Protein backbone atom coordinates (compact mmCIF):
# COMPACT_ATOMS: atom_id res chain seq x y z
CA MET A 1 -96.25 103.93 -30.62
CA SER A 2 -96.27 103.77 -34.49
CA LEU A 3 -93.05 103.75 -35.17
CA MET A 4 -93.53 99.87 -33.44
CA MET A 5 -96.79 99.95 -35.80
CA LEU A 6 -94.33 100.10 -39.14
CA TYR A 7 -91.90 97.92 -38.67
CA LEU A 8 -94.21 95.39 -37.71
CA PRO A 9 -95.18 94.18 -40.30
CA ALA A 10 -92.61 94.67 -42.10
CA LEU A 11 -90.30 91.92 -39.38
CA LEU A 12 -93.65 89.56 -39.72
CA LEU A 13 -92.68 89.15 -43.37
CA ILE A 14 -89.13 88.76 -43.28
CA ALA A 15 -89.98 86.21 -40.31
CA LEU A 16 -92.53 83.97 -42.80
CA PHE A 17 -89.59 84.34 -45.62
CA LEU A 18 -86.96 82.91 -43.53
CA PHE A 19 -89.52 80.21 -42.40
CA SER A 20 -91.13 79.35 -46.01
CA ALA A 21 -86.67 78.90 -46.88
CA ILE A 22 -85.51 76.22 -44.38
CA LYS A 23 -86.39 72.77 -45.15
CA ILE A 24 -85.44 69.96 -43.07
CA LEU A 25 -84.27 66.34 -45.05
CA ARG A 26 -83.83 62.87 -42.96
CA GLU A 27 -81.74 60.82 -43.52
CA TYR A 28 -83.21 58.63 -45.45
CA GLU A 29 -85.15 60.95 -47.98
CA ARG A 30 -83.01 63.66 -50.45
CA GLY A 31 -84.84 66.32 -52.15
CA VAL A 32 -84.67 66.87 -55.75
CA VAL A 33 -84.40 71.00 -55.85
CA PHE A 34 -86.46 72.65 -58.91
CA GLN A 35 -85.88 76.28 -60.08
CA LEU A 36 -88.51 77.57 -61.43
CA GLY A 37 -89.76 74.32 -62.99
CA ARG A 38 -87.08 72.68 -63.93
CA PHE A 39 -84.84 70.48 -62.49
CA TRP A 40 -81.82 71.88 -60.82
CA ARG A 41 -79.87 69.14 -58.04
CA VAL A 42 -80.44 66.82 -55.80
CA LYS A 43 -79.32 67.43 -52.22
CA GLY A 44 -78.64 65.18 -49.24
CA PRO A 45 -79.72 65.23 -45.96
CA GLY A 46 -79.45 67.64 -43.60
CA LEU A 47 -80.13 71.47 -42.82
CA ILE A 48 -81.44 72.86 -46.91
CA LEU A 49 -82.16 76.10 -47.76
CA LEU A 50 -84.27 77.73 -50.66
CA ILE A 51 -85.43 80.33 -52.63
CA PRO A 52 -89.18 80.72 -51.72
CA MET A 53 -91.24 81.55 -55.10
CA VAL A 54 -88.33 80.30 -56.90
CA GLN A 55 -87.20 76.74 -56.10
CA GLN A 56 -89.39 74.20 -55.09
CA MET A 57 -88.26 70.59 -54.11
CA VAL A 58 -90.09 67.63 -53.76
CA ARG A 59 -89.17 65.15 -50.97
CA VAL A 60 -87.92 61.35 -51.78
CA ASP A 61 -88.23 58.67 -49.50
CA LEU A 62 -85.33 56.03 -49.98
CA ARG A 63 -87.04 53.48 -47.78
CA THR A 64 -87.96 49.52 -48.71
CA ILE A 65 -91.20 49.27 -48.41
CA VAL A 66 -91.90 45.60 -47.62
CA MET A 67 -95.42 44.66 -48.36
CA ASP A 68 -97.63 40.91 -48.71
CA VAL A 69 -98.82 39.61 -51.92
CA PRO A 70 -101.62 37.51 -50.99
CA SER A 71 -100.78 34.35 -53.04
CA GLN A 72 -103.19 33.02 -55.90
């Protein structure tokens, strides 16, 4: 019983680490990855694996936004 109580917090930390490392980009999105605050790479659509606390990703939407411009 005490062995399970020892491993449970470690398993939860590993699960949270893996959950925060996986990102999914849609077909119309790109991800700009920063490593330690500096530009590193542009990632395409699909499954992206990041190193938490070292890498950050900003999503960029490539869809065209159409706006009505009122006549003056």
